[in-house]
Amino acid sequence: MDSEINNRKLEHIDIVLNKNPIFIGKCNEIYESIILIHQALPCIDYDEINLKTRFLKYELNVPLMITGMTGGHPSTKDINEKLAKIASTYKIAIGVGSQRPMLLHKTSEVIETYKVAREYASDIPLIGNIGANTLSDLTIEDIEWIVSSIEADALAIHLNPAQEIIQPEGDTRFNKRILNKIEEILDRIDIPIIIKEVGHGLSIETVSYMSSIGIRFYDVAGACGTNWALVEMYRERTPEIKHRLALKLAKWGIPTPLSVIETIYTSPDSYVIASGGVWDGVKAVKNLVLGANLVGIARPILKALIEKGVEGVKDYLREYIETMKTIMFLIGARDLVDLKRKPVILNEPIKSYLIQRNIDIDRYLNHIRKNR
């Protein structure tokens, strides 16, 4: 069982990089429907633009996080080490992949694949990671151990039912008893808990459940990037019936910008990370304009690292950040607070979607997002 899970981590990396299991949906149309207003006179100088923000107890240079990807297999130590060094260089946040292998195989070799991230990222937020569906098998002491072992600043609890239903070894225990366990963890753990999807988005209903027990941090991981149902489909062990089912889920989920709106509308005082295909600076700014506090990226970072090395990741991040600053300059946004007060137009199909979800668009755009 232990080696199976560790090997699965490697298999996932190979599929994500080489099989292109990308969400097939309307994300381009969604982003094109978010209209930012060009300002011929921005009333600021480009050099004035400030991307700094605070996350947890740290100041970040950019509202950006390398979201959790891997860990467990010995070969992933080098990946997490390099990613941590890059994150520290750019003063951005970083997460690790699911820490379940640490609990199943408590060897120093496995633990070091995660712990190395803190070793090289002592001055930035480090986010731990565990699956919600595994919580019933764990004690509070288990949770405390995975947090303390890597000196995590927060713990992401991920929800991934679409992945688990396709995964041959999938664990589909997602009943409401999970809420009781998360509430217990909230009471006992002295760091923030982040509720996170893995690529299909958070809804009003899910956020309502989580908000009712005190959750105030969310990573929406919307349906615009890596589709983990398709990742599982590409695995050799996946039965044919699961292949066909995964294809039916190729368009399943809530696109990232819509999930950002649903989450913030439901929990206006929450801290929201927009991830899920937010792979360029234009998409990043659009999610931040809509009210997100931070943007998360994973696959392009991993792909650049494997194919082009550390310098490839740095090139990607430089372009990403430069694009963000350019868009902010062209709409006259001096900083991230200013950005949320800039006008934005939501065209179809977003408008109809929000109306049918009973979201008051005027209240959201002109009050909720501007007061975050």
Protein backbone atom coordinates (compact mmCIF):
# COMPACT_ATOMS: atom_id res chain seq x y z
CA MET A 1 0.00 0.00 0.00
CA ASP A 2 2.75 2.45 1.00
CA SER A 3 4.84 1.93 -2.12
CA GLU A 4 1.68 1.95 -4.26
CA ILE A 5 0.81 5.46 -3.13
CA ASN A 6 4.37 6.71 -3.56
CA ASN A 7 4.59 5.25 -7.06
CA ARG A 8 1.20 6.76 -7.88
CA LYS A 9 2.67 10.18 -7.14
CA LEU A 10 5.30 9.62 -9.84
CA GLU A 11 2.69 8.31 -12.25
CA HIS A 12 0.61 11.45 -11.69
CA ILE A 13 3.58 13.70 -12.44
CA ASP A 14 4.32 11.83 -15.66
CA ILE A 15 0.70 12.08 -16.83
CA VAL A 16 0.32 15.76 -15.93
CA LEU A 17 3.46 16.60 -17.89
CA ASN A 18 3.07 14.32 -20.88
CA LYS A 19 -0.62 13.52 -21.48
CA ASN A 20 -2.08 17.04 -21.34
CA PRO A 21 -5.05 16.23 -19.09
CA ILE A 22 -6.38 19.75 -19.33
CA PHE A 23 -9.92 20.83 -18.56
CA ILE A 24 -12.02 20.96 -21.71
CA GLY A 25 -14.66 23.61 -21.21
CA LYS A 26 -15.61 27.23 -21.66
CA CYS A 27 -12.78 28.87 -19.75
CA ASN A 28 -11.53 30.98 -22.64
CA GLU A 29 -15.06 32.25 -23.19
CA ILE A 30 -15.42 32.94 -19.47
CA TYR A 31 -12.22 34.97 -19.32
CA GLU A 32 -13.08 36.88 -22.50
CA SER A 33 -16.38 37.79 -20.84
CA ILE A 34 -14.54 39.56 -17.99
CA ILE A 35 -13.89 43.02 -19.41
CA LEU A 36 -11.35 45.32 -17.77
CA ILE A 37 -11.51 48.98 -18.79
CA HIS A 38 -8.47 50.39 -20.59
CA GLN A 39 -7.34 53.79 -19.34
CA ALA A 40 -5.49 55.93 -21.91
CA LEU A 41 -4.44 58.09 -18.96
CA PRO A 42 -3.76 55.61 -16.13
CA CYS A 43 -2.86 58.46 -13.72
CA ILE A 44 0.08 56.42 -12.41
CA ASP A 45 3.63 55.68 -13.51
CA TYR A 46 4.48 52.07 -14.30
CA ASP A 47 7.22 52.12 -11.66
CA GLU A 48 4.63 52.94 -8.97
CA ILE A 49 2.85 49.60 -9.29
CA ASN A 50 3.13 47.58 -6.09
CA LEU A 51 2.18 43.89 -6.00
CA LYS A 52 3.07 43.31 -2.34
CA THR A 53 0.51 41.65 -0.09
CA ARG A 54 0.30 39.88 3.27
CA PHE A 55 -0.55 36.21 3.59
CA LEU A 56 -0.61 34.61 7.01
CA LYS A 57 2.26 36.30 8.90
CA TYR A 58 4.40 37.04 5.83
CA GLU A 59 4.75 39.84 3.33
CA LEU A 60 4.85 38.54 -0.24
CA ASN A 61 6.34 40.42 -3.17
CA VAL A 62 3.60 39.10 -5.45
CA PRO A 63 0.11 37.69 -4.64
CA LEU A 64 1.19 34.29 -5.88
CA MET A 65 1.48 30.74 -4.58
CA ILE A 66 3.06 27.62 -6.04
CA THR A 67 0.27 25.27 -5.01
CA GLY A 68 0.90 21.79 -3.64
CA MET A 69 1.94 19.23 -6.22
CA THR A 70 4.07 16.40 -4.94
CA GLY A 71 6.00 14.61 -2.23
CA GLY A 72 6.38 11.07 -0.89
CA HIS A 73 8.50 9.32 -3.49
CA PRO A 74 12.23 9.89 -2.89
CA SER A 75 12.67 11.37 -6.36
CA THR A 76 10.25 14.19 -5.50
CA LYS A 77 12.61 15.65 -2.90
CA ASP A 78 14.63 17.42 -5.58
CA ILE A 79 11.46 18.92 -7.08
CA ASN A 80 10.25 20.31 -3.75
CA GLU A 81 13.72 21.61 -2.91
CA LYS A 82 14.02 23.52 -6.17
CA LEU A 83 10.46 24.86 -5.99
CA ALA A 84 11.05 26.06 -2.42
CA LYS A 85 14.23 27.87 -3.43
CA ILE A 86 12.42 29.58 -6.30
CA ALA A 87 9.48 30.55 -4.09
CA SER A 88 11.86 32.01 -1.52
CA THR A 89 13.73 33.97 -4.19
CA TYR A 90 10.51 35.55 -5.46
CA LYS A 91 8.95 35.85 -1.98
CA ILE A 92 5.82 33.94 -2.93
CA ALA A 93 3.95 31.22 -1.02
CA ILE A 94 4.37 27.48 -1.59
CA GLY A 95 2.43 24.32 -0.79
CA VAL A 96 3.36 20.64 -0.71
CA GLY A 97 1.44 17.73 -2.17
CA SER A 98 -0.72 15.38 -0.10
CA GLN A 99 1.13 14.31 3.05
CA ARG A 100 -0.68 11.00 3.33
CA PRO A 101 2.51 9.09 2.34
CA MET A 102 4.17 10.55 5.45
CA LEU A 103 1.52 8.91 7.62
CA LEU A 104 1.63 5.57 5.85
CA HIS A 105 5.38 5.29 5.60
CA LYS A 106 7.05 7.18 8.45
CA THR A 107 10.63 6.94 7.24
CA SER A 108 13.08 9.81 7.16
CA GLU A 109 13.42 9.29 3.39
CA VAL A 110 9.72 10.01 2.79
CA ILE A 111 9.46 12.77 5.39
CA GLU A 112 12.42 14.62 3.88
CA THR A 113 10.63 14.91 0.52
CA TYR A 114 8.23 17.31 2.26
CA LYS A 115 10.42 18.76 5.00
CA VAL A 116 12.94 19.99 2.45
CA ALA A 117 10.45 22.68 1.42
CA ARG A 118 10.71 24.38 4.82
CA GLU A 119 14.47 24.01 4.86
CA TYR A 120 14.76 26.14 1.74
CA ALA A 121 11.71 28.34 2.30
CA SER A 122 12.10 29.60 5.84
CA ASP A 123 10.92 33.14 5.05
CA ILE A 124 7.68 32.45 3.16
CA PRO A 125 4.34 30.72 3.87
CA LEU A 126 4.46 26.92 3.62
CA ILE A 127 1.14 25.09 3.30
CA GLY A 128 0.67 21.47 4.34
CA ASN A 129 -1.84 19.19 2.60
CA ILE A 130 -4.14 16.27 3.42
CA GLY A 131 -7.25 14.80 1.81
CA ALA A 132 -10.65 15.42 3.43
CA ASN A 133 -11.79 11.88 2.66
CA THR A 134 -8.92 10.41 4.71
CA LEU A 135 -9.63 12.44 7.86
CA SER A 136 -11.86 9.76 9.43
CA ASP A 137 -8.82 7.46 9.51
CA LEU A 138 -6.63 10.03 11.26
CA THR A 139 -6.31 11.26 14.82
CA ILE A 140 -5.72 14.86 15.83
CA GLU A 141 -2.21 13.74 16.76
CA ASP A 142 -1.68 12.60 13.16
CA ILE A 143 -2.72 16.03 11.90
CA GLU A 144 -0.52 17.79 14.43
CA TRP A 145 2.40 15.61 13.36
CA ILE A 146 2.16 16.32 9.63
CA VAL A 147 1.87 20.04 10.40
CA SER A 148 4.75 20.19 12.88
CA SER A 149 7.02 17.91 10.83
CA ILE A 150 7.26 20.49 8.07
CA GLU A 151 6.58 23.55 10.26
CA ALA A 152 3.57 24.42 8.12
CA ASP A 153 1.99 27.85 8.42
CA ALA A 154 -1.41 26.53 7.32
CA LEU A 155 -2.95 23.19 6.37
CA ALA A 156 -4.85 22.68 3.12
CA ILE A 157 -7.58 20.05 3.36
CA HIS A 158 -8.40 19.05 -0.19
CA LEU A 159 -11.72 17.92 -1.63
CA ASN A 160 -11.38 15.79 -4.77
CA PRO A 161 -14.49 13.65 -5.34
CA ALA A 162 -14.24 13.76 -9.15
CA GLN A 163 -10.70 12.40 -8.99
CA GLU A 164 -11.50 9.73 -6.42
CA ILE A 165 -14.49 8.38 -8.36
CA ILE A 166 -12.21 7.65 -11.34
CA GLN A 167 -9.09 6.56 -9.44
CA PRO A 168 -8.82 2.73 -9.29
CA GLU A 169 -7.88 2.96 -5.59
CA GLY A 170 -10.31 5.83 -5.02
CA ASP A 171 -11.72 6.65 -1.59
CA THR A 172 -15.19 8.13 -2.06
CA ARG A 173 -16.07 8.86 1.58
CA PHE A 174 -17.30 12.44 1.25
CA ASN A 175 -20.31 12.47 3.59
CA LYS A 176 -21.12 15.39 5.91
CA ARG A 177 -19.28 13.76 8.82
CA ILE A 178 -16.19 15.33 7.24
CA LEU A 179 -17.47 18.66 8.58
CA ASN A 180 -17.34 17.36 12.16
CA LYS A 181 -13.74 16.25 11.71
CA ILE A 182 -12.70 19.54 10.14
CA GLU A 183 -14.39 21.45 12.95
CA GLU A 184 -12.48 19.35 15.48
CA ILE A 185 -9.22 20.11 13.67
CA LEU A 186 -10.06 23.82 13.64
CA ASP A 187 -10.54 23.71 17.41
CA ARG A 188 -7.30 21.84 18.08
CA ILE A 189 -4.81 23.10 15.48
CA ASP A 190 -3.40 26.58 15.97
CA ILE A 191 -2.80 27.36 12.30
CA PRO A 192 -5.35 28.28 9.61
CA ILE A 193 -7.16 25.55 7.68
CA ILE A 194 -7.54 26.11 3.94
CA ILE A 195 -10.34 24.24 2.18
CA LYS A 196 -9.15 23.41 -1.30
CA GLU A 197 -10.54 21.74 -4.39
CA VAL A 198 -8.05 20.17 -6.80
CA GLY A 199 -9.47 21.29 -10.14
CA HIS A 200 -13.27 21.30 -10.26
CA GLY A 201 -14.08 24.37 -8.19
CA LEU A 202 -15.82 25.31 -4.95
CA SER A 203 -19.55 26.11 -4.95
CA ILE A 204 -21.85 28.28 -2.87
CA GLU A 205 -23.16 25.15 -1.16
CA THR A 206 -19.73 23.76 -0.21
CA VAL A 207 -18.50 27.14 1.02
CA SER A 208 -21.70 27.55 3.05
CA TYR A 209 -21.04 24.25 4.81
CA MET A 210 -17.44 25.18 5.52
CA SER A 211 -18.21 28.73 6.55
CA SER A 212 -20.78 27.46 9.06
CA ILE A 213 -18.03 25.63 11.00
CA GLY A 214 -15.61 28.55 10.91
CA ILE A 215 -13.49 28.10 7.78
CA ARG A 216 -12.18 31.41 6.45
CA PHE A 217 -9.52 30.31 3.93
CA TYR A 218 -10.32 28.78 0.53
CA ASP A 219 -8.41 27.70 -2.56
CA VAL A 220 -11.08 27.38 -5.25
CA ALA A 221 -8.96 25.34 -7.74
CA GLY A 222 -11.53 25.85 -10.47
CA ALA A 223 -12.20 23.89 -13.64
CA CYS A 224 -9.88 25.65 -16.06
CA GLY A 225 -6.59 23.81 -15.59
CA THR A 226 -5.54 20.24 -14.85
CA ASN A 227 -8.50 17.86 -14.76
CA TRP A 228 -7.69 15.14 -12.26
CA ALA A 229 -10.46 12.89 -13.51
CA LEU A 230 -8.57 12.81 -16.81
CA VAL A 231 -5.26 12.27 -15.00
CA GLU A 232 -6.70 9.11 -13.44
CA MET A 233 -8.14 8.08 -16.80
CA TYR A 234 -4.65 7.92 -18.31
CA ARG A 235 -3.34 5.52 -15.68
CA GLU A 236 -2.82 1.98 -16.96
CA ARG A 237 -4.69 0.42 -14.03
CA THR A 238 -7.86 2.38 -14.70
CA PRO A 239 -10.67 0.07 -15.97
CA GLU A 240 -12.30 0.80 -19.33
CA ILE A 241 -15.61 1.81 -17.76
CA LYS A 242 -13.75 4.44 -15.72
CA HIS A 243 -12.08 5.69 -18.91
CA ARG A 244 -15.48 6.31 -20.45
CA LEU A 245 -16.78 7.93 -17.28
CA ALA A 246 -13.74 10.23 -17.07
CA LEU A 247 -14.40 11.46 -20.60
CA LYS A 248 -17.90 12.41 -19.50
CA LEU A 249 -16.25 14.53 -16.79
CA ALA A 250 -13.95 16.31 -19.25
CA LYS A 251 -16.10 19.44 -18.99
CA TRP A 252 -17.26 18.94 -15.40
CA GLY A 253 -16.79 21.63 -12.79
CA ILE A 254 -17.02 25.33 -11.99
CA PRO A 255 -14.65 27.57 -13.99
CA THR A 256 -12.19 29.39 -11.77
CA PRO A 257 -13.54 32.98 -12.00
CA LEU A 258 -17.08 31.76 -11.30
CA SER A 259 -15.87 29.75 -8.32
CA VAL A 260 -14.06 32.83 -7.01
CA ILE A 261 -17.32 34.79 -7.18
CA GLU A 262 -19.38 31.99 -5.59
CA THR A 263 -16.89 31.65 -2.74
CA ILE A 264 -16.57 35.36 -1.98
CA TYR A 265 -20.32 36.00 -2.33
CA THR A 266 -20.98 33.26 0.21
CA SER A 267 -18.16 34.18 2.59
CA PRO A 268 -17.23 37.85 2.00
CA ASP A 269 -14.75 38.02 4.88
CA SER A 270 -12.78 34.97 3.74
CA TYR A 271 -9.30 34.78 2.21
CA VAL A 272 -9.59 33.34 -1.30
CA ILE A 273 -6.91 31.81 -3.49
CA ALA A 274 -7.75 31.63 -7.20
CA SER A 275 -6.13 28.58 -8.77
CA GLY A 276 -7.05 26.22 -11.57
CA GLY A 277 -5.64 27.23 -14.95
CA VAL A 278 -4.62 30.73 -13.85
CA TRP A 279 -1.53 30.28 -15.96
CA ASP A 280 -0.84 33.80 -17.19
CA GLY A 281 -0.79 37.28 -15.73
CA VAL A 282 -3.94 38.44 -17.52
CA LYS A 283 -6.01 35.67 -15.93
CA ALA A 284 -4.35 36.42 -12.60
CA VAL A 285 -5.36 40.09 -12.67
CA LYS A 286 -8.92 39.24 -13.71
CA ASN A 287 -9.32 36.94 -10.71
CA LEU A 288 -7.80 39.55 -8.40
CA VAL A 289 -10.14 42.22 -9.77
CA LEU A 290 -13.04 39.89 -8.96
CA GLY A 291 -11.90 39.80 -5.34
CA ALA A 292 -9.39 36.97 -4.97
CA ASN A 293 -6.57 37.65 -2.51
CA LEU A 294 -3.96 35.39 -4.05
CA VAL A 295 -3.41 33.38 -7.22
CA GLY A 296 -2.12 29.81 -7.31
CA ILE A 297 -0.31 27.98 -10.10
CA ALA A 298 1.10 24.46 -10.36
CA ARG A 299 1.35 22.64 -13.70
CA PRO A 300 3.23 25.32 -15.71
CA ILE A 301 5.77 25.63 -12.89
CA LEU A 302 6.36 21.89 -12.75
CA LYS A 303 6.50 21.63 -16.54
CA ALA A 304 9.03 24.46 -16.80
CA LEU A 305 11.16 22.91 -14.05
CA ILE A 306 11.27 19.44 -15.61
CA GLU A 307 11.78 20.65 -19.19
CA LYS A 308 13.93 23.76 -18.72
CA GLY A 309 15.25 23.65 -15.16
CA VAL A 310 15.24 26.38 -12.53
CA GLU A 311 15.97 29.11 -15.08
CA GLY A 312 12.94 28.01 -17.07
CA VAL A 313 10.72 28.53 -14.02
CA LYS A 314 12.28 31.93 -13.37
CA ASP A 315 11.65 32.96 -16.99
CA TYR A 316 8.02 31.88 -16.64
CA LEU A 317 7.56 33.80 -13.39
CA ARG A 318 9.24 36.94 -14.73
CA GLU A 319 6.85 37.02 -17.69
CA TYR A 320 3.88 36.23 -15.44
CA ILE A 321 4.67 39.08 -13.05
CA GLU A 322 5.50 41.52 -15.86
CA THR A 323 2.14 40.74 -17.47
CA MET A 324 0.32 41.37 -14.19
CA LYS A 325 2.02 44.74 -13.77
CA THR A 326 1.29 45.68 -17.39
CA ILE A 327 -2.45 44.99 -17.06
CA MET A 328 -2.59 46.85 -13.76
CA PHE A 329 -0.83 49.81 -15.38
CA LEU A 330 -3.28 49.86 -18.30
CA ILE A 331 -6.30 49.95 -16.00
CA GLY A 332 -4.70 52.44 -13.61
CA ALA A 333 -4.37 50.16 -10.57
CA ARG A 334 -1.52 51.22 -8.30
CA ASP A 335 -1.76 48.26 -5.88
CA LEU A 336 -3.95 45.30 -5.00
CA VAL A 337 -6.40 47.33 -2.90
CA ASP A 338 -6.80 49.78 -5.76
CA LEU A 339 -7.23 46.88 -8.18
CA LYS A 340 -10.41 45.62 -6.48
CA ARG A 341 -11.99 49.05 -6.90
CA LYS A 342 -11.47 49.21 -10.65
CA PRO A 343 -14.51 48.82 -12.92
CA VAL A 344 -15.16 45.43 -14.47
CA ILE A 345 -17.90 44.31 -16.85
CA LEU A 346 -19.25 40.75 -16.79
CA ASN A 347 -20.78 39.71 -20.11
CA GLU A 348 -22.50 36.50 -21.13
CA PRO A 349 -22.28 33.65 -20.29
CA ILE A 350 -21.18 34.85 -16.85
CA LYS A 351 -24.14 37.16 -16.33
CA SER A 352 -26.79 34.47 -16.87
CA TYR A 353 -24.86 32.01 -14.73
CA LEU A 354 -24.69 34.40 -11.78
CA ILE A 355 -28.36 35.35 -12.08
CA GLN A 356 -29.39 31.69 -12.01
CA ARG A 357 -27.14 31.15 -8.99
CA ASN A 358 -29.05 33.96 -7.22
CA ILE A 359 -25.96 36.16 -7.01
CA ASP A 360 -26.72 39.88 -6.94
CA ILE A 361 -24.21 41.11 -9.53
CA ASP A 362 -24.46 44.79 -8.62
CA ARG A 363 -24.01 44.07 -4.92
CA TYR A 364 -21.08 41.79 -5.63
CA LEU A 365 -19.19 44.11 -7.99
CA ASN A 366 -19.91 47.41 -6.29
CA HIS A 367 -19.90 46.44 -2.63
CA ILE A 368 -18.60 42.99 -1.69
CA ARG A 369 -15.42 42.85 -3.79
CA LYS A 370 -14.55 46.51 -3.21
CA ASN A 371 -14.67 46.11 0.57
CA ARG A 372 -12.34 43.12 0.78
